[in-house]
N, C-alpha and C. Protein backbone atom coordinates (compact mmCIF):
# COMPACT_ATOMS: atom_id res chain seq x y z
N MET A 1 -9.08 6.31 53.66
CA MET A 1 -9.35 7.28 52.63
C MET A 1 -10.82 7.21 52.27
N ARG A 2 -11.44 8.35 52.12
CA ARG A 2 -12.87 8.39 51.83
C ARG A 2 -13.14 8.07 50.36
N VAL A 3 -14.31 7.53 50.10
CA VAL A 3 -14.72 7.16 48.74
C VAL A 3 -14.74 8.39 47.85
N SER A 4 -15.14 9.53 48.37
CA SER A 4 -15.21 10.74 47.55
C SER A 4 -13.83 11.19 47.09
N ALA A 5 -12.77 10.83 47.81
CA ALA A 5 -11.41 11.19 47.41
C ALA A 5 -10.83 10.16 46.43
N VAL A 6 -11.30 8.93 46.49
CA VAL A 6 -10.79 7.86 45.63
C VAL A 6 -11.39 7.93 44.24
N LEU A 7 -12.66 8.27 44.12
CA LEU A 7 -13.32 8.29 42.81
C LEU A 7 -12.65 9.25 41.82
N PRO A 8 -12.31 10.49 42.20
CA PRO A 8 -11.62 11.35 41.23
C PRO A 8 -10.26 10.79 40.82
N LEU A 9 -9.58 10.12 41.74
CA LEU A 9 -8.30 9.52 41.42
C LEU A 9 -8.46 8.39 40.39
N ILE A 10 -9.46 7.58 40.57
CA ILE A 10 -9.75 6.50 39.62
C ILE A 10 -10.11 7.07 38.26
N ALA A 11 -10.93 8.13 38.24
CA ALA A 11 -11.31 8.76 36.98
C ALA A 11 -10.10 9.34 36.27
N LEU A 12 -9.18 9.95 37.02
CA LEU A 12 -7.98 10.52 36.43
C LEU A 12 -7.09 9.43 35.83
N LEU A 13 -6.94 8.32 36.52
CA LEU A 13 -6.14 7.20 36.00
C LEU A 13 -6.77 6.61 34.75
N PHE A 14 -8.09 6.50 34.73
CA PHE A 14 -8.79 5.98 33.56
C PHE A 14 -8.58 6.91 32.36
N ALA A 15 -8.70 8.22 32.59
CA ALA A 15 -8.52 9.19 31.50
C ALA A 15 -7.10 9.15 30.96
N ALA A 16 -6.12 9.00 31.84
CA ALA A 16 -4.72 8.92 31.39
C ALA A 16 -4.50 7.67 30.56
N GLY A 17 -5.11 6.57 30.94
CA GLY A 17 -4.99 5.33 30.18
C GLY A 17 -5.61 5.44 28.80
N CYS A 18 -6.70 6.18 28.69
CA CYS A 18 -7.35 6.37 27.40
C CYS A 18 -6.53 7.26 26.48
N ALA A 19 -5.75 8.17 27.03
CA ALA A 19 -4.96 9.11 26.23
C ALA A 19 -3.70 8.47 25.67
N THR A 20 -3.26 7.36 26.23
CA THR A 20 -2.05 6.68 25.78
C THR A 20 -2.36 5.91 24.50
N PRO A 21 -1.61 6.13 23.41
CA PRO A 21 -1.88 5.37 22.19
C PRO A 21 -1.63 3.88 22.43
N ARG A 22 -2.49 3.08 21.89
CA ARG A 22 -2.36 1.63 22.03
C ARG A 22 -2.17 1.00 20.66
N ALA A 23 -1.29 0.04 20.61
CA ALA A 23 -1.04 -0.66 19.36
C ALA A 23 -2.22 -1.57 19.05
N PRO A 24 -2.69 -1.57 17.80
CA PRO A 24 -3.80 -2.45 17.44
C PRO A 24 -3.37 -3.92 17.48
N ALA A 25 -4.35 -4.80 17.69
CA ALA A 25 -4.06 -6.23 17.75
C ALA A 25 -3.70 -6.78 16.38
N THR A 26 -4.28 -6.20 15.32
CA THR A 26 -3.96 -6.60 13.96
C THR A 26 -3.85 -5.36 13.09
N LEU A 27 -3.18 -5.50 12.00
CA LEU A 27 -3.04 -4.41 11.04
C LEU A 27 -3.67 -4.86 9.73
N GLU A 28 -4.95 -4.60 9.57
CA GLU A 28 -5.66 -4.93 8.33
C GLU A 28 -5.25 -3.92 7.28
N MET A 29 -4.59 -4.35 6.25
CA MET A 29 -4.14 -3.43 5.22
C MET A 29 -5.29 -3.13 4.26
N PRO A 30 -5.42 -1.87 3.86
CA PRO A 30 -6.60 -1.40 3.11
C PRO A 30 -6.51 -1.61 1.61
N GLY A 31 -6.72 -2.82 1.14
CA GLY A 31 -6.76 -3.08 -0.30
C GLY A 31 -5.50 -2.62 -1.00
N ASN A 32 -5.66 -1.70 -1.96
CA ASN A 32 -4.52 -1.21 -2.74
C ASN A 32 -4.05 0.17 -2.31
N ASP A 33 -4.55 0.71 -1.23
CA ASP A 33 -4.25 2.08 -0.82
C ASP A 33 -2.97 2.12 0.02
N GLU A 34 -1.84 2.30 -0.64
CA GLU A 34 -0.55 2.28 0.04
C GLU A 34 -0.37 3.47 0.98
N ALA A 35 -0.93 4.62 0.61
CA ALA A 35 -0.82 5.79 1.48
C ALA A 35 -1.57 5.56 2.79
N GLN A 36 -2.76 4.98 2.70
CA GLN A 36 -3.53 4.67 3.91
C GLN A 36 -2.81 3.61 4.74
N ALA A 37 -2.22 2.62 4.07
CA ALA A 37 -1.47 1.58 4.78
C ALA A 37 -0.26 2.18 5.49
N ALA A 38 0.41 3.16 4.86
CA ALA A 38 1.56 3.81 5.49
C ALA A 38 1.13 4.55 6.75
N HIS A 39 -0.02 5.21 6.70
CA HIS A 39 -0.51 5.92 7.88
C HIS A 39 -0.93 4.95 8.99
N LEU A 40 -1.50 3.82 8.62
CA LEU A 40 -1.85 2.79 9.59
C LEU A 40 -0.57 2.25 10.25
N LEU A 41 0.43 1.98 9.44
CA LEU A 41 1.72 1.50 9.95
C LEU A 41 2.37 2.55 10.85
N ALA A 42 2.31 3.81 10.44
CA ALA A 42 2.88 4.90 11.25
C ALA A 42 2.18 4.99 12.60
N GLY A 43 0.86 4.86 12.62
CA GLY A 43 0.12 4.89 13.88
C GLY A 43 0.52 3.74 14.79
N TYR A 44 0.71 2.57 14.22
CA TYR A 44 1.14 1.42 15.01
C TYR A 44 2.53 1.67 15.61
N LEU A 45 3.47 2.14 14.79
CA LEU A 45 4.82 2.40 15.29
C LEU A 45 4.83 3.51 16.34
N LEU A 46 4.00 4.52 16.16
CA LEU A 46 3.88 5.59 17.14
C LEU A 46 3.44 5.03 18.49
N ALA A 47 2.47 4.14 18.46
CA ALA A 47 1.98 3.50 19.69
C ALA A 47 3.05 2.62 20.33
N MET A 48 4.02 2.17 19.54
CA MET A 48 5.10 1.33 20.06
C MET A 48 6.31 2.17 20.50
N GLY A 49 6.17 3.49 20.51
CA GLY A 49 7.23 4.35 21.01
C GLY A 49 8.18 4.90 19.97
N TRP A 50 7.90 4.70 18.70
CA TRP A 50 8.74 5.24 17.63
C TRP A 50 8.29 6.66 17.30
N THR A 51 9.20 7.47 16.82
CA THR A 51 8.81 8.73 16.19
C THR A 51 8.69 8.40 14.70
N VAL A 52 7.69 8.97 14.06
CA VAL A 52 7.45 8.62 12.66
C VAL A 52 7.17 9.85 11.82
N GLN A 53 7.43 9.69 10.54
CA GLN A 53 7.11 10.70 9.55
C GLN A 53 6.74 9.94 8.28
N VAL A 54 5.63 10.34 7.66
CA VAL A 54 5.17 9.69 6.44
C VAL A 54 5.37 10.64 5.27
N SER A 55 6.04 10.15 4.23
CA SER A 55 6.28 10.98 3.05
C SER A 55 5.10 10.84 2.08
N PRO A 56 4.99 11.74 1.11
CA PRO A 56 3.92 11.61 0.11
C PRO A 56 4.02 10.31 -0.70
N GLU A 57 5.20 9.71 -0.73
CA GLU A 57 5.38 8.44 -1.47
C GLU A 57 5.03 7.23 -0.62
N ALA A 58 4.38 7.44 0.53
CA ALA A 58 3.95 6.37 1.44
C ALA A 58 5.13 5.66 2.10
N VAL A 59 6.23 6.37 2.32
CA VAL A 59 7.37 5.83 3.03
C VAL A 59 7.29 6.32 4.47
N VAL A 60 7.42 5.38 5.41
CA VAL A 60 7.39 5.71 6.83
C VAL A 60 8.83 5.73 7.32
N ALA A 61 9.29 6.90 7.73
CA ALA A 61 10.61 7.03 8.36
C ALA A 61 10.38 6.91 9.86
N ALA A 62 11.06 5.98 10.50
CA ALA A 62 10.82 5.71 11.92
C ALA A 62 12.14 5.76 12.69
N GLY A 63 12.06 6.29 13.91
CA GLY A 63 13.24 6.34 14.77
C GLY A 63 12.87 6.09 16.21
N ARG A 64 13.77 5.43 16.92
CA ARG A 64 13.57 5.16 18.35
C ARG A 64 14.92 4.80 18.96
N ASP A 65 15.26 5.47 20.07
CA ASP A 65 16.50 5.17 20.79
C ASP A 65 17.72 5.14 19.88
N GLY A 66 17.83 6.11 18.99
CA GLY A 66 18.99 6.17 18.10
C GLY A 66 18.92 5.22 16.92
N GLU A 67 17.85 4.48 16.78
CA GLU A 67 17.68 3.52 15.69
C GLU A 67 16.81 4.16 14.61
N ARG A 68 17.19 4.00 13.34
CA ARG A 68 16.43 4.57 12.23
C ARG A 68 16.19 3.51 11.17
N LEU A 69 14.98 3.52 10.62
CA LEU A 69 14.68 2.66 9.49
C LEU A 69 13.57 3.29 8.67
N TRP A 70 13.42 2.79 7.47
CA TRP A 70 12.39 3.26 6.56
C TRP A 70 11.57 2.06 6.14
N LEU A 71 10.25 2.25 6.09
CA LEU A 71 9.32 1.17 5.74
C LEU A 71 8.36 1.68 4.67
N ARG A 72 8.06 0.83 3.71
CA ARG A 72 7.09 1.20 2.69
C ARG A 72 6.19 0.01 2.39
N PRO A 73 4.89 0.16 2.65
CA PRO A 73 3.97 -0.93 2.27
C PRO A 73 3.72 -0.90 0.77
N LEU A 74 3.80 -2.06 0.15
CA LEU A 74 3.48 -2.22 -1.25
C LEU A 74 2.33 -3.23 -1.33
N LEU A 75 1.17 -2.74 -1.73
CA LEU A 75 -0.03 -3.57 -1.73
C LEU A 75 -0.41 -3.90 -3.17
N ASP A 76 -0.85 -5.11 -3.37
CA ASP A 76 -1.17 -5.60 -4.71
C ASP A 76 -2.47 -6.38 -4.63
N ALA A 77 -3.42 -6.06 -5.48
CA ALA A 77 -4.71 -6.74 -5.48
C ALA A 77 -4.57 -8.23 -5.77
N ARG A 78 -3.47 -8.63 -6.39
CA ARG A 78 -3.26 -10.05 -6.72
C ARG A 78 -2.61 -10.83 -5.59
N GLY A 79 -2.40 -10.20 -4.43
CA GLY A 79 -1.92 -10.92 -3.26
C GLY A 79 -0.43 -10.84 -2.99
N MET A 80 0.27 -9.93 -3.65
CA MET A 80 1.71 -9.81 -3.41
C MET A 80 1.99 -8.68 -2.42
N ASP A 81 1.21 -8.62 -1.37
CA ASP A 81 1.41 -7.58 -0.36
C ASP A 81 2.73 -7.80 0.34
N ARG A 82 3.45 -6.69 0.58
CA ARG A 82 4.72 -6.80 1.28
C ARG A 82 5.06 -5.46 1.91
N LEU A 83 5.93 -5.54 2.87
CA LEU A 83 6.45 -4.37 3.55
C LEU A 83 7.94 -4.35 3.26
N VAL A 84 8.40 -3.32 2.56
CA VAL A 84 9.81 -3.18 2.24
C VAL A 84 10.44 -2.31 3.31
N SER A 85 11.56 -2.76 3.84
CA SER A 85 12.27 -2.01 4.86
C SER A 85 13.71 -1.82 4.43
N TRP A 86 14.27 -0.68 4.78
CA TRP A 86 15.68 -0.48 4.52
C TRP A 86 16.33 0.34 5.62
N ARG A 87 17.63 0.12 5.73
CA ARG A 87 18.50 0.86 6.65
C ARG A 87 19.68 1.34 5.82
N GLN A 88 20.28 2.43 6.29
CA GLN A 88 21.37 3.02 5.53
C GLN A 88 22.56 3.33 6.43
N TRP A 89 23.74 3.25 5.83
CA TRP A 89 24.98 3.63 6.49
C TRP A 89 25.68 4.61 5.57
N PRO A 90 26.02 5.81 6.02
CA PRO A 90 26.81 6.71 5.17
C PRO A 90 28.24 6.21 5.06
N ALA A 91 28.84 6.46 3.92
CA ALA A 91 30.23 6.04 3.71
C ALA A 91 31.15 6.88 4.57
N ALA A 92 32.20 6.25 5.07
CA ALA A 92 33.25 6.98 5.78
C ALA A 92 33.97 7.87 4.78
N PRO A 93 34.50 9.01 5.22
CA PRO A 93 35.15 9.93 4.28
C PRO A 93 36.30 9.30 3.49
N GLU A 94 37.01 8.36 4.10
CA GLU A 94 38.16 7.75 3.41
C GLU A 94 37.79 6.53 2.56
N ALA A 95 36.53 6.10 2.56
CA ALA A 95 36.13 4.91 1.80
C ALA A 95 35.92 5.28 0.33
N ASP A 96 36.44 4.44 -0.57
CA ASP A 96 36.18 4.70 -1.99
C ASP A 96 35.02 3.82 -2.45
N GLU A 97 34.43 4.19 -3.58
CA GLU A 97 33.25 3.49 -4.09
C GLU A 97 33.53 2.03 -4.41
N ALA A 98 34.70 1.73 -4.94
CA ALA A 98 35.03 0.33 -5.28
C ALA A 98 35.11 -0.53 -4.03
N ALA A 99 35.72 -0.01 -2.97
CA ALA A 99 35.81 -0.77 -1.72
C ALA A 99 34.43 -0.96 -1.11
N LEU A 100 33.58 0.05 -1.20
CA LEU A 100 32.22 -0.06 -0.68
C LEU A 100 31.40 -1.06 -1.49
N ALA A 101 31.57 -1.06 -2.81
CA ALA A 101 30.87 -2.04 -3.66
C ALA A 101 31.33 -3.46 -3.35
N ALA A 102 32.62 -3.65 -3.14
CA ALA A 102 33.15 -4.97 -2.77
C ALA A 102 32.60 -5.39 -1.41
N PHE A 103 32.48 -4.45 -0.49
CA PHE A 103 31.93 -4.75 0.83
C PHE A 103 30.46 -5.17 0.73
N ALA A 104 29.68 -4.47 -0.10
CA ALA A 104 28.27 -4.85 -0.31
C ALA A 104 28.18 -6.27 -0.87
N HIS A 105 29.04 -6.61 -1.82
CA HIS A 105 29.07 -7.96 -2.38
C HIS A 105 29.45 -8.98 -1.30
N GLU A 106 30.43 -8.65 -0.49
CA GLU A 106 30.85 -9.52 0.61
C GLU A 106 29.69 -9.75 1.60
N LEU A 107 28.97 -8.69 1.93
CA LEU A 107 27.83 -8.81 2.84
C LEU A 107 26.73 -9.68 2.25
N ASN A 108 26.45 -9.51 0.96
CA ASN A 108 25.43 -10.34 0.32
C ASN A 108 25.81 -11.81 0.37
N ALA A 109 27.08 -12.12 0.16
CA ALA A 109 27.54 -13.51 0.19
C ALA A 109 27.61 -14.06 1.62
N ALA A 110 28.09 -13.25 2.55
CA ALA A 110 28.31 -13.74 3.92
C ALA A 110 27.03 -13.83 4.72
N LEU A 111 26.15 -12.86 4.59
CA LEU A 111 24.96 -12.83 5.43
C LEU A 111 23.73 -13.41 4.75
N ASN A 112 23.55 -13.17 3.45
CA ASN A 112 22.43 -13.73 2.68
C ASN A 112 21.08 -13.50 3.38
N VAL A 113 20.82 -12.25 3.79
CA VAL A 113 19.59 -11.94 4.52
C VAL A 113 18.73 -10.88 3.84
N GLY A 114 19.16 -10.37 2.73
CA GLY A 114 18.46 -9.32 2.01
C GLY A 114 19.40 -8.80 0.95
N LEU A 115 19.19 -7.58 0.53
CA LEU A 115 20.01 -6.99 -0.51
C LEU A 115 20.82 -5.84 0.05
N PHE A 116 22.13 -5.93 -0.13
CA PHE A 116 23.04 -4.83 0.22
C PHE A 116 23.47 -4.18 -1.09
N ARG A 117 23.41 -2.83 -1.12
CA ARG A 117 23.84 -2.08 -2.30
C ARG A 117 24.75 -0.95 -1.86
N ALA A 118 25.75 -0.69 -2.67
CA ALA A 118 26.65 0.44 -2.41
C ALA A 118 26.37 1.51 -3.44
N GLY A 119 26.47 2.75 -2.99
CA GLY A 119 26.30 3.89 -3.88
C GLY A 119 27.24 4.99 -3.46
N PRO A 120 27.16 6.11 -4.14
CA PRO A 120 28.06 7.22 -3.81
C PRO A 120 27.87 7.74 -2.38
N GLU A 121 26.68 7.56 -1.84
CA GLU A 121 26.39 8.06 -0.48
C GLU A 121 26.78 7.08 0.61
N GLY A 122 26.80 5.78 0.28
CA GLY A 122 27.10 4.79 1.31
C GLY A 122 26.51 3.43 1.00
N LEU A 123 26.11 2.74 2.06
CA LEU A 123 25.60 1.37 1.97
C LEU A 123 24.13 1.34 2.36
N GLU A 124 23.34 0.56 1.64
CA GLU A 124 21.93 0.39 1.96
C GLU A 124 21.60 -1.09 2.04
N PHE A 125 20.80 -1.45 3.03
CA PHE A 125 20.30 -2.82 3.19
C PHE A 125 18.79 -2.77 2.99
N GLN A 126 18.27 -3.65 2.15
CA GLN A 126 16.83 -3.71 1.89
C GLN A 126 16.33 -5.14 2.02
N VAL A 127 15.16 -5.28 2.63
CA VAL A 127 14.55 -6.60 2.82
C VAL A 127 13.03 -6.42 2.82
N SER A 128 12.31 -7.48 2.47
CA SER A 128 10.85 -7.42 2.42
C SER A 128 10.22 -8.44 3.34
N LEU A 129 9.07 -8.07 3.88
CA LEU A 129 8.23 -8.97 4.67
C LEU A 129 6.93 -9.13 3.91
N HIS A 130 6.65 -10.35 3.48
CA HIS A 130 5.43 -10.62 2.72
C HIS A 130 4.31 -11.01 3.67
N PHE A 131 3.08 -10.62 3.32
CA PHE A 131 1.92 -10.96 4.13
C PHE A 131 0.69 -11.00 3.23
N LEU A 132 -0.40 -11.53 3.76
CA LEU A 132 -1.66 -11.60 3.03
C LEU A 132 -2.70 -10.75 3.74
N ASP A 133 -2.98 -9.58 3.23
CA ASP A 133 -4.04 -8.67 3.70
C ASP A 133 -3.85 -8.13 5.12
N THR A 134 -3.42 -8.98 6.06
CA THR A 134 -3.28 -8.57 7.46
C THR A 134 -1.83 -8.74 7.89
N LEU A 135 -1.28 -7.68 8.46
CA LEU A 135 0.09 -7.73 8.96
C LEU A 135 0.04 -7.98 10.45
N ASP A 136 0.58 -9.10 10.89
CA ASP A 136 0.59 -9.48 12.29
C ASP A 136 1.58 -8.61 13.06
N PRO A 137 1.14 -7.88 14.09
CA PRO A 137 2.06 -7.01 14.84
C PRO A 137 3.26 -7.75 15.44
N ALA A 138 3.06 -8.98 15.89
CA ALA A 138 4.20 -9.74 16.45
C ALA A 138 5.22 -10.04 15.35
N LEU A 139 4.73 -10.36 14.16
CA LEU A 139 5.62 -10.62 13.04
C LEU A 139 6.34 -9.33 12.63
N LEU A 140 5.63 -8.20 12.64
CA LEU A 140 6.25 -6.92 12.32
C LEU A 140 7.35 -6.58 13.33
N ALA A 141 7.09 -6.78 14.61
CA ALA A 141 8.10 -6.52 15.65
C ALA A 141 9.32 -7.40 15.45
N ALA A 142 9.11 -8.68 15.12
CA ALA A 142 10.23 -9.59 14.87
C ALA A 142 11.00 -9.18 13.62
N PHE A 143 10.29 -8.70 12.61
CA PHE A 143 10.91 -8.23 11.37
C PHE A 143 11.80 -7.02 11.64
N ILE A 144 11.32 -6.08 12.42
CA ILE A 144 12.11 -4.89 12.75
C ILE A 144 13.33 -5.28 13.57
N GLU A 145 13.16 -6.21 14.50
CA GLU A 145 14.31 -6.68 15.29
C GLU A 145 15.32 -7.40 14.40
N HIS A 146 14.82 -8.15 13.41
CA HIS A 146 15.71 -8.82 12.46
C HIS A 146 16.57 -7.79 11.72
N THR A 147 15.97 -6.69 11.29
CA THR A 147 16.76 -5.67 10.58
C THR A 147 17.78 -5.03 11.51
N ALA A 148 17.46 -4.93 12.79
CA ALA A 148 18.43 -4.40 13.77
C ALA A 148 19.60 -5.38 13.95
N GLU A 149 19.30 -6.68 13.96
CA GLU A 149 20.36 -7.69 14.05
C GLU A 149 21.27 -7.64 12.83
N VAL A 150 20.68 -7.40 11.65
CA VAL A 150 21.48 -7.27 10.44
C VAL A 150 22.41 -6.07 10.56
N ARG A 151 21.90 -4.97 11.11
CA ARG A 151 22.73 -3.78 11.32
C ARG A 151 23.96 -4.13 12.15
N ARG A 152 23.76 -4.89 13.22
CA ARG A 152 24.89 -5.28 14.08
C ARG A 152 25.83 -6.24 13.35
N ALA A 153 25.27 -7.12 12.52
CA ALA A 153 26.10 -8.06 11.76
C ALA A 153 26.98 -7.33 10.75
N VAL A 154 26.46 -6.27 10.15
CA VAL A 154 27.25 -5.49 9.20
C VAL A 154 28.49 -4.95 9.89
N LEU A 155 28.34 -4.46 11.10
CA LEU A 155 29.48 -3.92 11.83
C LEU A 155 30.49 -5.01 12.17
N ARG A 156 30.00 -6.22 12.46
CA ARG A 156 30.93 -7.33 12.74
C ARG A 156 31.72 -7.72 11.49
N VAL A 157 31.04 -7.76 10.34
CA VAL A 157 31.72 -8.13 9.10
C VAL A 157 32.71 -7.03 8.71
N GLN A 158 32.34 -5.78 8.92
CA GLN A 158 33.23 -4.66 8.59
C GLN A 158 34.54 -4.76 9.39
N ASP A 159 34.44 -5.21 10.63
CA ASP A 159 35.58 -5.37 11.52
C ASP A 159 36.36 -4.06 11.64
N THR A 160 37.63 -4.05 11.31
CA THR A 160 38.44 -2.84 11.52
C THR A 160 38.52 -1.95 10.28
N ARG A 161 37.92 -2.36 9.18
CA ARG A 161 37.92 -1.51 7.98
C ARG A 161 37.14 -0.22 8.25
N GLN A 162 37.57 0.86 7.70
CA GLN A 162 36.90 2.15 7.88
C GLN A 162 36.10 2.47 6.61
N LEU A 163 34.97 1.77 6.43
CA LEU A 163 34.14 1.98 5.24
C LEU A 163 32.88 2.78 5.55
N LEU A 164 32.37 2.66 6.77
CA LEU A 164 31.09 3.28 7.12
C LEU A 164 31.26 4.25 8.28
N ARG A 165 30.49 5.33 8.24
CA ARG A 165 30.45 6.24 9.38
C ARG A 165 29.51 5.67 10.42
N PRO A 166 29.72 5.99 11.70
CA PRO A 166 28.83 5.49 12.75
C PRO A 166 27.40 5.99 12.54
N VAL A 167 26.45 5.11 12.75
CA VAL A 167 25.02 5.46 12.73
C VAL A 167 24.35 4.76 13.89
N GLU A 168 23.19 5.24 14.22
CA GLU A 168 22.33 4.60 15.21
C GLU A 168 23.06 4.33 16.52
N ASP A 169 23.80 5.31 17.00
CA ASP A 169 24.47 5.23 18.31
C ASP A 169 25.45 4.07 18.42
N GLU A 170 26.07 3.68 17.31
CA GLU A 170 27.06 2.61 17.33
C GLU A 170 28.36 3.10 16.73
N GLN A 171 29.43 2.39 17.00
CA GLN A 171 30.72 2.71 16.41
C GLN A 171 30.81 2.11 15.03
N ALA A 172 31.49 2.77 14.12
CA ALA A 172 31.63 2.27 12.75
C ALA A 172 32.53 1.04 12.69
N SER A 173 33.49 0.96 13.57
CA SER A 173 34.36 -0.22 13.57
C SER A 173 34.68 -0.58 15.01
N ARG A 174 35.17 -1.76 15.19
CA ARG A 174 35.47 -2.23 16.55
C ARG A 174 36.97 -2.28 16.75
């Protein structure tokens, strides 16, 4: 192959590589600006293959491969920076609020990994990741995977009860 034919191919490959979003090595959070932090977080998740949407309240809704979660950076000048994440399960049509509230209490006691709350709409799991000024991408990836493991644990604890509707490409009960 002639050099004149190889050079355009190399240039094309280089241009394609530049167009692909790349995840930053670190996520320096911008002081107290939660909206800017949400956009930085959204850009990172986008580069990792997630679809994202940022609300005016600085909440990042993220989805990938049938998985959904919500993230909100809360920044504090006194050093209480944290990333709050939550996942939701809609209630099954036959589930009553009392049974769902008892299930949330059971999950809090059995799993002890965050906060489970029941409401008229269903079940919500919330957990926080604390950090100091810089959010480590490897820690963020592990945190997101942790919330996915919690999602699977909820289904195991639910067992054959029909309290939750299927979400995130999974069955509500086994």
